[in-house]
C-alpha atoms as a PDB file:
ATOM      1  CA  MET A   1      -0.307  -0.042   0.069  1.00  0.00           C
ATOM      2  CA  LYS A   2       1.192   3.366  -0.947  1.00  0.00           C
ATOM      3  CA  ARG A   3       2.270   5.906   1.934  1.00  0.00           C
ATOM      4  CA  LEU A   4       0.505   9.393   2.481  1.00  0.00           C
ATOM      5  CA  LEU A   5       1.142  12.025   4.659  1.00  0.00           C
ATOM      6  CA  ILE A   6      -1.797  14.786   5.411  1.00  0.00           C
ATOM      7  CA  THR A   7      -1.580  17.976   7.179  1.00  0.00           C
ATOM      8  CA  GLY A   8      -4.120  19.570   8.690  1.00  0.00           C
ATOM      9  CA  ALA A   9      -5.945  16.088   9.631  1.00  0.00           C
ATOM     10  CA  THR A  10      -7.663  17.747  12.483  1.00  0.00           C
ATOM     11  CA  GLY A  11      -9.065  20.644  10.464  1.00  0.00           C
ATOM     12  CA  PHE A  12     -12.727  20.772   8.939  1.00  0.00           C
ATOM     13  CA  LEU A  13     -11.317  19.502   5.431  1.00  0.00           C
ATOM     14  CA  GLY A  14      -8.776  17.059   6.700  1.00  0.00           C
ATOM     15  CA  ARG A  15     -11.371  15.622   9.254  1.00  0.00           C
ATOM     16  CA  ASN A  16     -13.947  14.890   5.869  1.00  0.00           C
ATOM     17  CA  ILE A  17     -11.339  13.329   3.699  1.00  0.00           C
ATOM     18  CA  LEU A  18      -9.173  11.280   6.226  1.00  0.00           C
ATOM     19  CA  PRO A  19     -11.391   8.238   6.541  1.00  0.00           C
ATOM     20  CA  HIS A  20     -11.525   7.952   2.649  1.00  0.00           C
ATOM     21  CA  LEU A  21      -7.602   8.183   2.060  1.00  0.00           C
ATOM     22  CA  SER A  22      -7.237   5.489   4.660  1.00  0.00           C
ATOM     23  CA  LYS A  23      -8.917   2.876   2.541  1.00  0.00           C
ATOM     24  CA  ASN A  24      -6.313   3.383  -0.219  1.00  0.00           C
ATOM     25  CA  TYR A  25      -2.925   4.529   1.929  1.00  0.00           C
ATOM     26  CA  ASP A  26      -0.991   3.819   4.574  1.00  0.00           C
ATOM     27  CA  VAL A  27      -1.721   7.295   6.287  1.00  0.00           C
ATOM     28  CA  THR A  28       0.329   9.495   8.432  1.00  0.00           C
ATOM     29  CA  THR A  29      -1.066  12.509   9.940  1.00  0.00           C
ATOM     30  CA  THR A  30       0.745  15.641  11.722  1.00  0.00           C
ATOM     31  CA  GLY A  31      -0.430  18.614  13.749  1.00  0.00           C
ATOM     32  CA  ARG A  32       0.222  20.817  16.500  1.00  0.00           C
ATOM     33  CA  SER A  33      -1.220  19.119  19.109  1.00  0.00           C
ATOM     34  CA  GLU A  34       0.789  16.903  21.401  1.00  0.00           C
ATOM     35  CA  ASN A  35      -2.068  13.982  21.294  1.00  0.00           C
ATOM     36  CA  SER A  36      -4.017  12.805  18.400  1.00  0.00           C
ATOM     37  CA  LYS A  37      -6.764  10.670  18.630  1.00  0.00           C
ATOM     38  CA  PHE A  38      -6.291   9.115  15.220  1.00  0.00           C
ATOM     39  CA  GLU A  39      -5.610   5.390  14.734  1.00  0.00           C
ATOM     40  CA  HIS A  40      -2.705   6.379  12.414  1.00  0.00           C
ATOM     41  CA  SER A  41       0.522   7.235  12.743  1.00  0.00           C
ATOM     42  CA  TYR A  42       1.112  10.803  13.897  1.00  0.00           C
ATOM     43  CA  MET A  43       3.705  13.460  14.147  1.00  0.00           C
ATOM     44  CA  GLN A  44       3.406  16.343  16.595  1.00  0.00           C
ATOM     45  CA  CYS A  45       4.712  19.608  14.808  1.00  0.00           C
ATOM     46  CA  ASP A  46       4.196  22.951  14.534  1.00  0.00           C
ATOM     47  CA  LEU A  47       4.944  23.800  10.724  1.00  0.00           C
ATOM     48  CA  ALA A  48       4.608  27.374  11.041  1.00  0.00           C
ATOM     49  CA  GLU A  49       7.483  27.397  13.288  1.00  0.00           C
ATOM     50  CA  GLU A  50       9.484  24.269  12.484  1.00  0.00           C
ATOM     51  CA  LYS A  51      10.340  21.313  10.053  1.00  0.00           C
ATOM     52  CA  LEU A  52       9.130  17.737  10.572  1.00  0.00           C
ATOM     53  CA  PRO A  53      11.155  16.011  13.160  1.00  0.00           C
ATOM     54  CA  ASP A  54      14.057  14.025  11.478  1.00  0.00           C
ATOM     55  CA  GLU A  55      13.472  10.888  13.360  1.00  0.00           C
ATOM     56  CA  SER A  56      10.050  10.612  12.090  1.00  0.00           C
ATOM     57  CA  MET A  57      10.742  11.131   8.472  1.00  0.00           C
ATOM     58  CA  GLU A  58       9.581   8.191   6.193  1.00  0.00           C
ATOM     59  CA  ASP A  59       9.602   7.737   2.106  1.00  0.00           C
ATOM     60  CA  TRP A  60       6.015   9.131   1.532  1.00  0.00           C
ATOM     61  CA  ASP A  61       4.364   8.423  -1.901  1.00  0.00           C
ATOM     62  CA  VAL A  62       1.979  11.152  -1.847  1.00  0.00           C
ATOM     63  CA  VAL A  63       1.709  14.101   0.753  1.00  0.00           C
ATOM     64  CA  VAL A  64      -1.748  15.909   1.053  1.00  0.00           C
ATOM     65  CA  HIS A  65      -1.062  19.450   2.559  1.00  0.00           C
ATOM     66  CA  ALA A  66      -4.594  20.844   3.991  1.00  0.00           C
ATOM     67  CA  ALA A  67      -3.303  22.780   6.996  1.00  0.00           C
ATOM     68  CA  GLY A  68      -4.055  26.112   6.976  1.00  0.00           C
ATOM     69  CA  LYS A  69      -5.251  29.512   8.328  1.00  0.00           C
ATOM     70  CA  ALA A  70      -8.884  30.560   7.109  1.00  0.00           C
ATOM     71  CA  HIS A  71     -12.285  31.606   8.493  1.00  0.00           C
ATOM     72  CA  VAL A  72     -11.496  34.445  10.280  1.00  0.00           C
ATOM     73  CA  VAL A  73     -10.880  38.702   9.499  1.00  0.00           C
ATOM     74  CA  PRO A  74      -7.571  39.843  10.607  1.00  0.00           C
ATOM     75  CA  LYS A  75      -7.822  42.686  12.893  1.00  0.00           C
ATOM     76  CA  THR A  76      -4.561  43.499  13.760  1.00  0.00           C
ATOM     77  CA  GLU A  77      -1.091  43.109  12.179  1.00  0.00           C
ATOM     78  CA  GLU A  78      -0.165  40.333  14.309  1.00  0.00           C
ATOM     79  CA  GLU A  79      -3.118  38.520  13.001  1.00  0.00           C
ATOM     80  CA  ARG A  80      -2.367  39.453   9.448  1.00  0.00           C
ATOM     81  CA  LYS A  81       0.953  38.057   9.760  1.00  0.00           C
ATOM     82  CA  ALA A  82      -0.496  35.168  11.418  1.00  0.00           C
ATOM     83  CA  PHE A  83      -1.545  33.657   7.897  1.00  0.00           C
ATOM     84  CA  PHE A  84       1.968  33.935   6.396  1.00  0.00           C
ATOM     85  CA  ASP A  85       3.192  32.135   9.339  1.00  0.00           C
ATOM     86  CA  VAL A  86       0.568  28.969   8.616  1.00  0.00           C
ATOM     87  CA  ASN A  87      -0.126  29.199   4.978  1.00  0.00           C
ATOM     88  CA  LEU A  88       3.349  30.525   3.622  1.00  0.00           C
ATOM     89  CA  GLU A  89       6.120  29.564   6.108  1.00  0.00           C
ATOM     90  CA  GLY A  90       4.271  26.394   7.376  1.00  0.00           C
ATOM     91  CA  THR A  91       4.459  25.362   3.941  1.00  0.00           C
ATOM     92  CA  LYS A  92       8.104  26.151   3.337  1.00  0.00           C
ATOM     93  CA  ASN A  93       8.735  24.359   6.131  1.00  0.00           C
ATOM     94  CA  LEU A  94       7.127  21.169   4.964  1.00  0.00           C
ATOM     95  CA  ALA A  95       8.344  21.150   1.714  1.00  0.00           C
ATOM     96  CA  GLU A  96      12.292  21.578   3.048  1.00  0.00           C
ATOM     97  CA  SER A  97      11.601  18.452   5.338  1.00  0.00           C
ATOM     98  CA  LEU A  98      10.724  16.472   2.431  1.00  0.00           C
ATOM     99  CA  GLU A  99      13.946  17.464   0.094  1.00  0.00           C
ATOM    100  CA  GLU A 100      15.782  14.279   1.060  1.00  0.00           C
ATOM    101  CA  ASN A 101      13.496  11.899   0.031  1.00  0.00           C
ATOM    102  CA  PRO A 102      10.784  13.789  -2.158  1.00  0.00           C
ATOM    103  CA  PRO A 103       7.229  12.366  -2.540  1.00  0.00           C
ATOM    104  CA  LYS A 104       6.372  11.138  -5.987  1.00  0.00           C
ATOM    105  CA  ALA A 105       3.148  13.767  -5.577  1.00  0.00           C
ATOM    106  CA  PHE A 106       2.428  16.781  -3.628  1.00  0.00           C
ATOM    107  CA  ILE A 107      -1.267  17.953  -3.471  1.00  0.00           C
ATOM    108  CA  PHE A 108      -2.111  21.437  -2.390  1.00  0.00           C
ATOM    109  CA  ILE A 109      -5.075  22.561  -0.979  1.00  0.00           C
ATOM    110  CA  SER A 110      -5.402  26.197  -2.218  1.00  0.00           C
ATOM    111  CA  SER A 111      -8.524  28.601  -2.528  1.00  0.00           C
ATOM    112  CA  ILE A 112     -10.320  30.526  -4.955  1.00  0.00           C
ATOM    113  CA  ALA A 113      -9.646  33.416  -2.999  1.00  0.00           C
ATOM    114  CA  VAL A 114      -6.122  33.873  -4.767  1.00  0.00           C
ATOM    115  CA  TYR A 115      -8.421  35.802  -7.352  1.00  0.00           C
ATOM    116  CA  GLY A 116      -9.275  38.220  -5.008  1.00  0.00           C
ATOM    117  CA  LEU A 117     -12.950  38.658  -6.384  1.00  0.00           C
ATOM    118  CA  ASP A 118     -16.236  39.454  -4.484  1.00  0.00           C
ATOM    119  CA  TYR A 119     -18.214  38.553  -7.829  1.00  0.00           C
ATOM    120  CA  GLY A 120     -17.815  37.070 -11.467  1.00  0.00           C
ATOM    121  CA  MET A 121     -18.690  34.101 -13.281  1.00  0.00           C
ATOM    122  CA  ASP A 122     -17.340  30.756 -14.348  1.00  0.00           C
ATOM    123  CA  ILE A 123     -13.693  32.062 -13.506  1.00  0.00           C
ATOM    124  CA  THR A 124     -11.073  29.904 -14.710  1.00  0.00           C
ATOM    125  CA  GLU A 125      -7.487  28.609 -13.532  1.00  0.00           C
ATOM    126  CA  ASP A 126      -5.563  31.217 -15.963  1.00  0.00           C
ATOM    127  CA  ALA A 127      -7.648  34.689 -14.281  1.00  0.00           C
ATOM    128  CA  PRO A 128      -5.043  36.763 -12.647  1.00  0.00           C
ATOM    129  CA  LEU A 129      -4.357  36.253  -9.069  1.00  0.00           C
ATOM    130  CA  LEU A 130      -5.780  39.632  -7.754  1.00  0.00           C
ATOM    131  CA  ALA A 131      -6.297  38.772  -3.750  1.00  0.00           C
ATOM    132  CA  GLY A 132      -5.284  41.608  -1.333  1.00  0.00           C
ATOM    133  CA  ASP A 133      -6.494  40.306   2.024  1.00  0.00           C
ATOM    134  CA  ALA A 134      -3.667  38.561   3.993  1.00  0.00           C
ATOM    135  CA  TYR A 135      -5.686  34.922   3.308  1.00  0.00           C
ATOM    136  CA  GLY A 136      -5.485  34.988  -0.006  1.00  0.00           C
ATOM    137  CA  LYS A 137      -1.757  36.760  -0.556  1.00  0.00           C
ATOM    138  CA  SER A 138      -0.571  33.954   1.728  1.00  0.00           C
ATOM    139  CA  LYS A 139      -2.202  31.066  -0.451  1.00  0.00           C
ATOM    140  CA  ILE A 140      -0.591  33.051  -3.672  1.00  0.00           C
ATOM    141  CA  ARG A 141       2.841  32.647  -2.726  1.00  0.00           C
ATOM    142  CA  ALA A 142       2.655  29.433  -1.120  1.00  0.00           C
ATOM    143  CA  GLU A 143       1.607  28.479  -4.518  1.00  0.00           C
ATOM    144  CA  GLN A 144       4.501  30.359  -6.089  1.00  0.00           C
ATOM    145  CA  PHE A 145       6.837  28.689  -3.411  1.00  0.00           C
ATOM    146  CA  LEU A 146       5.821  25.216  -4.444  1.00  0.00           C
ATOM    147  CA  THR A 147       5.985  25.601  -8.149  1.00  0.00           C
ATOM    148  CA  LYS A 148       9.367  26.622  -7.923  1.00  0.00           C
ATOM    149  CA  TRP A 149      10.343  23.780  -5.422  1.00  0.00           C
ATOM    150  CA  ALA A 150       8.104  20.867  -6.997  1.00  0.00           C
ATOM    151  CA  ASN A 151      10.134  21.984 -10.452  1.00  0.00           C
ATOM    152  CA  LYS A 152      13.428  21.685  -8.764  1.00  0.00           C
ATOM    153  CA  HIS A 153      12.870  18.220  -6.677  1.00  0.00           C
ATOM    154  CA  ASP A 154      11.105  16.500  -9.857  1.00  0.00           C
ATOM    155  CA  VAL A 155       8.001  16.360  -7.665  1.00  0.00           C
ATOM    156  CA  ASN A 156       4.472  16.115  -9.323  1.00  0.00           C
ATOM    157  CA  LEU A 157       2.518  19.076  -7.976  1.00  0.00           C
ATOM    158  CA  THR A 158      -1.232  19.199  -8.188  1.00  0.00           C
ATOM    159  CA  ILE A 159      -2.872  22.627  -6.730  1.00  0.00           C
ATOM    160  CA  LEU A 160      -6.453  22.445  -5.663  1.00  0.00           C
ATOM    161  CA  ARG A 161      -8.246  25.917  -5.680  1.00  0.00           C
ATOM    162  CA  LEU A 162     -11.455  25.080  -3.475  1.00  0.00           C
ATOM    163  CA  PRO A 163     -14.638  27.762  -3.069  1.00  0.00           C
ATOM    164  CA  LEU A 164     -16.432  27.151  -0.070  1.00  0.00           C
ATOM    165  CA  VAL A 165     -16.480  23.796   1.079  1.00  0.00           C
ATOM    166  CA  ALA A 166     -19.420  21.826   2.736  1.00  0.00           C
ATOM    167  CA  GLY A 167     -19.715  19.025   4.809  1.00  0.00           C
ATOM    168  CA  PRO A 168     -20.743  17.751   8.550  1.00  0.00           C
ATOM    169  CA  ASP A 169     -20.104  20.435  11.047  1.00  0.00           C
ATOM    170  CA  ALA A 170     -18.766  23.198   8.451  1.00  0.00           C
ATOM    171  CA  PRO A 171     -17.095  26.354   9.907  1.00  0.00           C
ATOM    172  CA  GLY A 172     -17.342  29.827   8.467  1.00  0.00           C
ATOM    173  CA  ASN A 173     -19.813  31.331   6.665  1.00  0.00           C
ATOM    174  CA  LEU A 174     -21.991  27.993   5.962  1.00  0.00           C
ATOM    175  CA  GLY A 175     -21.761  27.139   9.563  1.00  0.00           C
ATOM    176  CA  ALA A 176     -22.862  30.607  10.832  1.00  0.00           C
ATOM    177  CA  MET A 177     -25.626  30.146   8.038  1.00  0.00           C
ATOM    178  CA  ILE A 178     -26.927  26.859   9.495  1.00  0.00           C
ATOM    179  CA  LYS A 179     -26.512  28.313  13.113  1.00  0.00           C
ATOM    180  CA  GLY A 180     -29.070  31.352  12.037  1.00  0.00           C
ATOM    181  CA  ILE A 181     -31.417  29.108   9.980  1.00  0.00           C
ATOM    182  CA  ASP A 182     -31.532  26.265  13.044  1.00  0.00           C
ATOM    183  CA  THR A 183     -32.479  29.269  15.704  1.00  0.00           C
ATOM    184  CA  GLY A 184     -34.521  31.423  13.436  1.00  0.00           C
ATOM    185  CA  LYS A 185     -32.108  34.424  12.858  1.00  0.00           C
ATOM    186  CA  TYR A 186     -31.039  34.372   9.747  1.00  0.00           C
ATOM    187  CA  LEU A 187     -32.909  36.216   7.018  1.00  0.00           C
ATOM    188  CA  ARG A 188     -32.862  35.556   3.036  1.00  0.00           C
ATOM    189  CA  ILE A 189     -32.304  39.006   1.489  1.00  0.00           C
ATOM    190  CA  GLY A 190     -34.273  39.686  -1.564  1.00  0.00           C
ATOM    191  CA  GLU A 191     -34.921  36.378  -3.672  1.00  0.00           C
ATOM    192  CA  GLY A 192     -31.515  34.779  -2.792  1.00  0.00           C
ATOM    193  CA  SER A 193     -30.629  34.454  -6.782  1.00  0.00           C
ATOM    194  CA  ALA A 194     -26.422  34.821  -6.246  1.00  0.00           C
ATOM    195  CA  GLN A 195     -25.075  31.868  -7.082  1.00  0.00           C
ATOM    196  CA  LYS A 196     -21.787  30.789  -5.190  1.00  0.00           C
ATOM    197  CA  SER A 197     -19.311  27.821  -6.090  1.00  0.00           C
ATOM    198  CA  MET A 198     -19.265  25.198  -3.486  1.00  0.00           C
ATOM    199  CA  VAL A 199     -17.629  21.796  -3.233  1.00  0.00           C
ATOM    200  CA  TRP A 200     -18.742  18.683  -0.843  1.00  0.00           C
ATOM    201  CA  ALA A 201     -15.638  18.049   1.335  1.00  0.00           C
ATOM    202  CA  GLU A 202     -15.810  14.037   0.873  1.00  0.00           C
ATOM    203  CA  ASP A 203     -15.438  14.551  -2.660  1.00  0.00           C
ATOM    204  CA  ILE A 204     -12.138  15.608  -2.559  1.00  0.00           C
ATOM    205  CA  ALA A 205     -10.573  12.663  -0.828  1.00  0.00           C
ATOM    206  CA  TYR A 206     -11.995  10.397  -3.751  1.00  0.00           C
ATOM    207  CA  ALA A 207     -10.362  12.455  -6.557  1.00  0.00           C
ATOM    208  CA  ILE A 208      -6.469  12.314  -4.739  1.00  0.00           C
ATOM    209  CA  PRO A 209      -5.693   8.887  -5.803  1.00  0.00           C
ATOM    210  CA  GLY A 210      -6.334  10.095  -9.267  1.00  0.00           C
ATOM    211  CA  LEU A 211      -4.193  13.284  -8.732  1.00  0.00           C
ATOM    212  CA  GLU A 212      -0.597  11.378  -8.299  1.00  0.00           C
ATOM    213  CA  LYS A 213       0.645  11.984 -11.784  1.00  0.00           C
ATOM    214  CA  VAL A 214      -1.716  14.819 -12.763  1.00  0.00           C
ATOM    215  CA  SER A 215       0.262  18.026 -12.390  1.00  0.00           C
ATOM    216  CA  GLY A 216      -1.200  21.522 -12.566  1.00  0.00           C
ATOM    217  CA  VAL A 217      -3.756  23.862 -10.957  1.00  0.00           C
ATOM    218  CA  PHE A 218      -7.637  23.145 -11.002  1.00  0.00           C
ATOM    219  CA  ASN A 219     -10.462  24.464  -9.604  1.00  0.00           C
ATOM    220  CA  LEU A 220     -13.165  21.808  -8.101  1.00  0.00           C
ATOM    221  CA  THR A 221     -16.864  22.688  -7.566  1.00  0.00           C
ATOM    222  CA  ASP A 222     -19.945  20.632  -7.345  1.00  0.00           C
ATOM    223  CA  GLY A 223     -20.872  21.386 -11.286  1.00  0.00           C
ATOM    224  CA  HIS A 224     -24.210  22.989 -10.092  1.00  0.00           C
ATOM    225  CA  ASN A 225     -23.143  26.497  -8.123  1.00  0.00           C
ATOM    226  CA  PRO A 226     -26.287  26.429  -6.181  1.00  0.00           C
ATOM    227  CA  SER A 227     -27.914  30.095  -5.190  1.00  0.00           C
ATOM    228  CA  PHE A 228     -28.520  31.277  -1.875  1.00  0.00           C
ATOM    229  CA  LYS A 229     -32.063  30.278  -2.212  1.00  0.00           C
ATOM    230  CA  GLU A 230     -31.398  26.964  -3.243  1.00  0.00           C
ATOM    231  CA  LEU A 231     -28.840  26.386  -0.425  1.00  0.00           C
ATOM    232  CA  GLU A 232     -30.783  27.775   2.375  1.00  0.00           C
ATOM    233  CA  ASP A 233     -33.934  25.865   1.379  1.00  0.00           C
ATOM    234  CA  ALA A 234     -31.947  22.636   1.487  1.00  0.00           C
ATOM    235  CA  ILE A 235     -30.584  23.448   5.174  1.00  0.00           C
ATOM    236  CA  ALA A 236     -34.353  24.531   6.345  1.00  0.00           C
ATOM    237  CA  ASP A 237     -35.406  21.299   4.758  1.00  0.00           C
ATOM    238  CA  ARG A 238     -33.232  19.313   6.625  1.00  0.00           C
ATOM    239  CA  LEU A 239     -33.652  21.379   9.821  1.00  0.00           C
ATOM    240  CA  ASP A 240     -37.392  21.227   9.497  1.00  0.00           C
ATOM    241  CA  ARG A 241     -36.953  25.294   9.389  1.00  0.00           C
ATOM    242  CA  LYS A 242     -38.455  28.134   7.661  1.00  0.00           C
ATOM    243  CA  VAL A 243     -36.809  31.184   6.124  1.00  0.00           C
ATOM    244  CA  ARG A 244     -37.629  34.329   6.140  1.00  0.00           C
ATOM    245  CA  SER A 245     -37.133  37.047   3.832  1.00  0.00           C
ATOM    246  CA  LEU A 246     -35.880  40.761   4.165  1.00  0.00           C
ATOM    247  CA  PRO A 247     -36.469  43.135   1.101  1.00  0.00           C
ATOM    248  CA  LYS A 248     -33.353  43.892  -0.751  1.00  0.00           C
ATOM    249  CA  PRO A 249     -34.020  48.185  -0.032  1.00  0.00           C
ATOM    250  CA  LEU A 250     -34.647  47.511   3.642  1.00  0.00           C
ATOM    251  CA  ALA A 251     -31.358  45.092   3.714  1.00  0.00           C
ATOM    252  CA  TYR A 252     -29.169  47.608   1.898  1.00  0.00           C
ATOM    253  CA  ALA A 253     -30.238  50.189   4.275  1.00  0.00           C
ATOM    254  CA  VAL A 254     -28.974  48.125   7.055  1.00  0.00           C
ATOM    255  CA  ALA A 255     -25.826  47.235   5.349  1.00  0.00           C
ATOM    256  CA  CYS A 256     -25.328  51.177   4.847  1.00  0.00           C
ATOM    257  CA  ALA A 257     -25.866  51.553   8.753  1.00  0.00           C
ATOM    258  CA  GLY A 258     -23.740  48.639   9.298  1.00  0.00           C
ATOM    259  CA  SER A 259     -20.818  50.194   7.239  1.00  0.00           C
ATOM    260  CA  VAL A 260     -21.138  53.277   9.116  1.00  0.00           C
ATOM    261  CA  ILE A 261     -21.138  51.583  12.165  1.00  0.00           C
ATOM    262  CA  ASN A 262     -18.203  49.540  11.551  1.00  0.00           C
ATOM    263  CA  PHE A 263     -16.050  52.577  10.577  1.00  0.00           C
ATOM    264  CA  VAL A 264     -16.916  54.477  13.737  1.00  0.00           C
ATOM    265  CA  PHE A 265     -15.770  51.497  15.659  1.00  0.00           C
ATOM    266  CA  ARG A 266     -12.873  50.829  13.064  1.00  0.00           C
ATOM    267  CA  LYS A 267     -13.462  47.088  12.899  1.00  0.00           C
ATOM    268  CA  ARG A 268     -16.371  44.986  12.080  1.00  0.00           C
ATOM    269  CA  VAL A 269     -18.638  44.922  14.703  1.00  0.00           C
ATOM    270  CA  PHE A 270     -21.909  44.826  12.767  1.00  0.00           C
ATOM    271  CA  PRO A 271     -22.191  41.806  10.327  1.00  0.00           C
ATOM    272  CA  LEU A 272     -24.269  43.320   7.728  1.00  0.00           C
ATOM    273  CA  ASP A 273     -22.253  46.125   5.880  1.00  0.00           C
ATOM    274  CA  GLN A 274     -21.830  47.038   2.418  1.00  0.00           C
ATOM    275  CA  ARG A 275     -19.069  44.548   1.445  1.00  0.00           C
ATOM    276  CA  ALA A 276     -21.539  41.574   2.864  1.00  0.00           C
ATOM    277  CA  TYR A 277     -24.256  42.904   1.326  1.00  0.00           C
ATOM    278  CA  SER A 278     -22.645  43.015  -2.266  1.00  0.00           C
ATOM    279  CA  LYS A 279     -21.166  39.505  -1.358  1.00  0.00           C
ATOM    280  CA  ILE A 280     -24.508  38.186  -0.689  1.00  0.00           C
ATOM    281  CA  THR A 281     -26.441  39.341  -3.556  1.00  0.00           C
ATOM    282  CA  LYS A 282     -23.638  38.995  -6.684  1.00  0.00           C
ATOM    283  CA  SER A 283     -22.596  35.626  -7.710  1.00  0.00           C
ATOM    284  CA  LEU A 284     -19.276  34.282  -7.319  1.00  0.00           C
ATOM    285  CA  THR A 285     -18.821  31.392  -9.595  1.00  0.00           C
ATOM    286  CA  VAL A 286     -15.657  29.381 -10.935  1.00  0.00           C
ATOM    287  CA  ASP A 287     -15.324  27.009 -13.936  1.00  0.00           C
ATOM    288  CA  ASP A 288     -13.827  23.423 -12.927  1.00  0.00           C
ATOM    289  CA  SER A 289     -14.235  22.046 -16.554  1.00  0.00           C
ATOM    290  CA  LYS A 290     -10.226  21.589 -16.585  1.00  0.00           C
ATOM    291  CA  ALA A 291     -10.407  19.393 -13.867  1.00  0.00           C
ATOM    292  CA  ARG A 292     -13.171  17.308 -15.555  1.00  0.00           C
ATOM    293  CA  ARG A 293     -11.523  17.209 -18.698  1.00  0.00           C
ATOM    294  CA  GLU A 294      -7.889  16.269 -17.366  1.00  0.00           C
ATOM    295  CA  PHE A 295      -8.465  13.848 -14.254  1.00  0.00           C
ATOM    296  CA  GLY A 296     -12.025  13.194 -14.755  1.00  0.00           C
ATOM    297  CA  TRP A 297     -13.304  14.679 -11.585  1.00  0.00           C
ATOM    298  CA  ASN A 298     -16.982  14.102 -10.707  1.00  0.00           C
ATOM    299  CA  SER A 299     -18.904  15.415  -7.562  1.00  0.00           C
ATOM    300  CA  ARG A 300     -22.183  15.391  -5.742  1.00  0.00           C
ATOM    301  CA  ARG A 301     -24.440  18.259  -5.504  1.00  0.00           C
ATOM    302  CA  VAL A 302     -23.767  20.104  -2.198  1.00  0.00           C
ATOM    303  CA  VAL A 303     -27.872  20.956  -1.730  1.00  0.00           C
ATOM    304  CA  ASP A 304     -28.446  17.470  -2.504  1.00  0.00           C
ATOM    305  CA  MET A 305     -25.888  15.918  -0.033  1.00  0.00           C
ATOM    306  CA  ILE A 306     -26.924  18.624   2.685  1.00  0.00           C
ATOM    307  CA  ILE A 307     -30.644  17.166   2.501  1.00  0.00           C
ATOM    308  CA  LYS A 308     -29.078  13.640   2.755  1.00  0.00           C
ATOM    309  CA  GLN A 309     -27.240  14.152   5.950  1.00  0.00           C
ATOM    310  CA  ASP A 310     -27.920  11.902   8.736  1.00  0.00           C
END
């Protein structure tokens, strides 16, 4: 059985793909905590500050680098720097740890945040990388570093740019939406017609064995790009709840007031400001036809999977 190292196995994506990777590989995980509940080999290591321990090094066939910092809006320079410490320096430390025995394949989990866009339709992998925030910039620099490193060490590099990742116990905006609908504190803005690219976490695990010899950069989506209404209705159906709507003119007025409040306090204390309104009411989708064409990427619709959850 081939050997695989996965970073970020305790994170949301890692937790969802690890059980399926274990069916195809002899898996080793690594993380910052001293103890691991995994049944697999485990290395304690904070990649943001150090390289992998020499005594634990093996000859891995595949490395999946899923560790990263996301889902936080930095409020200070220190918090902004943390994105680069984890997403860039952590990537460098991992790659440099592997140089004596490079893996045959390195799969890097990146993000469509590298495009730096709040809206747009069918964005392809050759779109310019315009990210201005710390998260997107740190992912761009990690991609650039790995591209040079992989070429130098003859490693097959696959970069997966993911949109919003859905699955059980999802964090971030999706988790907040689910909680809001469950507690009755969520309001749909207008008709909820804006579309967003999404992908079901588990499906990424199924793709990994086929990526060992496929190099390049790929967007991954569920191929459906659900609207806010479709997503909200799927969540509400599963939770046996109803979603109330807020007319767009009224929502925009609230968002304007929110922007003023956030400006006065010089931080985002009010969740619905003008930028949030824009992101909710404008579509942002990416094109994953390259992945479907080059390695047969196939996926399930996120809205269907949400309804089917136990």
